[in-house]
Protein backbone atom coordinates (compact mmCIF):
# COMPACT_ATOMS: atom_id res chain seq x y z
CA MET A 1 -5.04 13.71 -13.40
CA THR A 2 -5.12 16.43 -16.03
CA LYS A 3 -7.06 19.67 -16.15
CA ASP A 4 -9.25 18.20 -18.91
CA GLU A 5 -10.04 15.13 -16.79
CA LEU A 6 -10.93 17.30 -13.81
CA LEU A 7 -13.09 19.55 -15.98
CA ALA A 8 -14.85 16.47 -17.41
CA HIS A 9 -15.52 15.27 -13.83
CA CYS A 10 -17.13 18.62 -13.03
CA LEU A 11 -19.23 18.59 -16.18
CA ALA A 12 -20.53 15.07 -15.42
CA LYS A 13 -22.48 16.54 -12.50
CA PRO A 14 -26.21 17.08 -13.09
CA GLY A 15 -26.87 20.60 -14.37
CA ALA A 16 -23.16 21.53 -14.62
CA TRP A 17 -22.04 23.88 -17.38
CA VAL A 18 -18.92 25.87 -18.33
CA ASP A 19 -18.82 29.64 -18.24
CA GLN A 20 -16.17 32.31 -18.78
CA PRO A 21 -17.45 35.26 -16.75
CA TRP A 22 -14.04 36.93 -16.95
CA GLU A 23 -11.90 36.85 -20.06
CA GLY A 24 -9.76 33.70 -20.10
CA ASP A 25 -11.06 32.37 -16.78
CA THR A 26 -13.01 29.11 -16.87
CA VAL A 27 -15.54 28.27 -14.18
CA VAL A 28 -18.08 25.47 -13.81
CA LYS A 29 -21.55 26.36 -12.58
CA VAL A 30 -24.65 24.58 -11.45
CA GLY A 31 -27.65 26.76 -12.04
CA PRO A 32 -26.41 30.34 -11.67
CA LYS A 33 -23.70 29.53 -9.08
CA ILE A 34 -20.03 28.62 -9.49
CA PHE A 35 -18.79 25.43 -7.82
CA ALA A 36 -15.33 25.16 -9.44
CA PHE A 37 -12.87 27.85 -10.56
CA PHE A 38 -10.19 26.87 -13.07
CA GLY A 39 -8.88 30.33 -13.87
CA SER A 40 -6.80 30.87 -16.96
CA GLY A 41 -4.46 28.03 -16.01
CA GLY A 42 -1.57 29.41 -18.03
CA GLY A 43 -1.50 26.13 -20.00
CA ALA A 44 -0.93 24.05 -16.85
CA GLU A 45 -2.58 20.83 -17.98
CA THR A 46 -1.14 18.47 -15.36
CA HIS A 47 -0.12 20.83 -12.56
CA GLY A 48 -2.82 23.42 -12.07
CA SER A 49 -5.32 24.27 -9.43
CA VAL A 50 -9.04 24.27 -8.93
CA GLY A 51 -10.90 26.61 -6.60
CA VAL A 52 -13.65 24.87 -4.66
CA LYS A 53 -15.83 25.46 -1.63
CA CYS A 54 -14.09 23.26 0.96
CA GLY A 55 -16.58 23.67 3.75
CA PRO A 56 -19.45 25.76 5.00
CA ASN A 57 -17.03 28.16 6.70
CA ARG A 58 -13.37 29.14 6.95
CA ASP A 59 -12.69 26.87 9.95
CA SER A 60 -13.75 23.75 8.03
CA ALA A 61 -11.82 24.79 4.93
CA ASP A 62 -8.66 25.38 6.98
CA GLU A 63 -8.29 21.60 7.41
CA TRP A 64 -7.02 21.47 3.82
CA LEU A 65 -4.37 24.08 4.61
CA LYS A 66 -3.15 22.05 7.58
CA ARG A 67 -3.00 18.77 5.64
CA TYR A 68 -1.49 20.17 2.44
CA PRO A 69 0.28 23.45 3.24
CA GLU A 70 2.20 23.47 -0.07
CA ASP A 71 -0.77 22.60 -2.29
CA ALA A 72 -3.80 24.25 -0.68
CA SER A 73 -4.36 27.97 -0.23
CA VAL A 74 -7.16 30.35 0.66
CA MET A 75 -8.81 31.82 -2.43
CA ALA A 76 -8.56 35.56 -2.81
CA TYR A 77 -11.72 37.56 -2.12
CA ILE A 78 -14.00 34.59 -1.29
CA GLY A 79 -11.72 32.54 0.96
CA ARG A 80 -13.43 33.81 4.10
CA SER A 81 -16.50 31.85 2.96
CA GLY A 82 -14.67 28.51 2.87
CA TRP A 83 -13.16 28.59 -0.64
CA ASN A 84 -9.66 27.18 -1.29
CA ASP A 85 -7.41 26.66 -4.27
CA LEU A 86 -6.31 23.02 -4.43
CA ARG A 87 -3.35 22.12 -6.61
CA PHE A 88 -3.77 18.95 -8.67
CA GLY A 89 -0.76 16.97 -9.81
CA GLY A 90 0.97 17.66 -6.50
CA ALA A 91 0.78 16.23 -2.99
CA ILE A 92 -3.03 16.09 -2.84
CA PRO A 93 -4.13 12.67 -4.14
CA ASP A 94 -6.36 12.80 -7.22
CA ASP A 95 -9.22 11.07 -5.42
CA GLU A 96 -9.19 13.76 -2.71
CA VAL A 97 -9.31 16.54 -5.31
CA LEU A 98 -12.29 14.78 -6.92
CA GLU A 99 -13.98 14.43 -3.52
CA ALA A 100 -13.40 18.15 -2.89
CA VAL A 101 -15.08 18.99 -6.21
CA ASP A 102 -17.98 16.69 -5.31
CA GLU A 103 -18.35 18.39 -1.91
CA SER A 104 -18.20 21.86 -3.46
CA TYR A 105 -20.95 20.87 -5.88
CA ARG A 106 -23.05 19.44 -3.03
CA LEU A 107 -22.62 22.57 -0.89
CA ILE A 108 -23.55 24.89 -3.76
CA VAL A 109 -26.58 22.83 -4.84
CA SER A 110 -27.85 22.73 -1.25
CA LYS A 111 -27.98 26.55 -1.20
CA LEU A 112 -29.78 26.92 -4.54
CA PRO A 113 -33.49 27.70 -4.61
CA LYS A 114 -35.46 24.58 -5.51
CA LYS A 115 -36.28 26.00 -8.95
CA ASP A 116 -32.54 26.20 -9.81
CA ARG A 117 -31.57 22.73 -8.51
CA PRO A 118 -30.86 20.03 -11.09
CA ALA A 119 -33.53 17.35 -11.41
């Protein structure tokens, strides 16, 4: 899977849109909230990472760290809230990365006020 394919998967979600809140850093939002961080990527098209909410809390998200210690890490600053960086193009199967993106989207949408949720 490439970065472009993963980004396309994110953008196929209802209400998803790309933003660059920090120079050079790409994120995908639903409503006003981020559900996927791509960062600047440094040109890594086939071996990059995506930051996603991997669970409602740190304990749930830690399962990724146990299963993929080389390819999953706690995100800086927001990791305590269940956010991880997952490396694609490595040991984590593509379908699991896609499922993690789907779960991140679901978790973020569930916390949005009804007025901000996609139809």
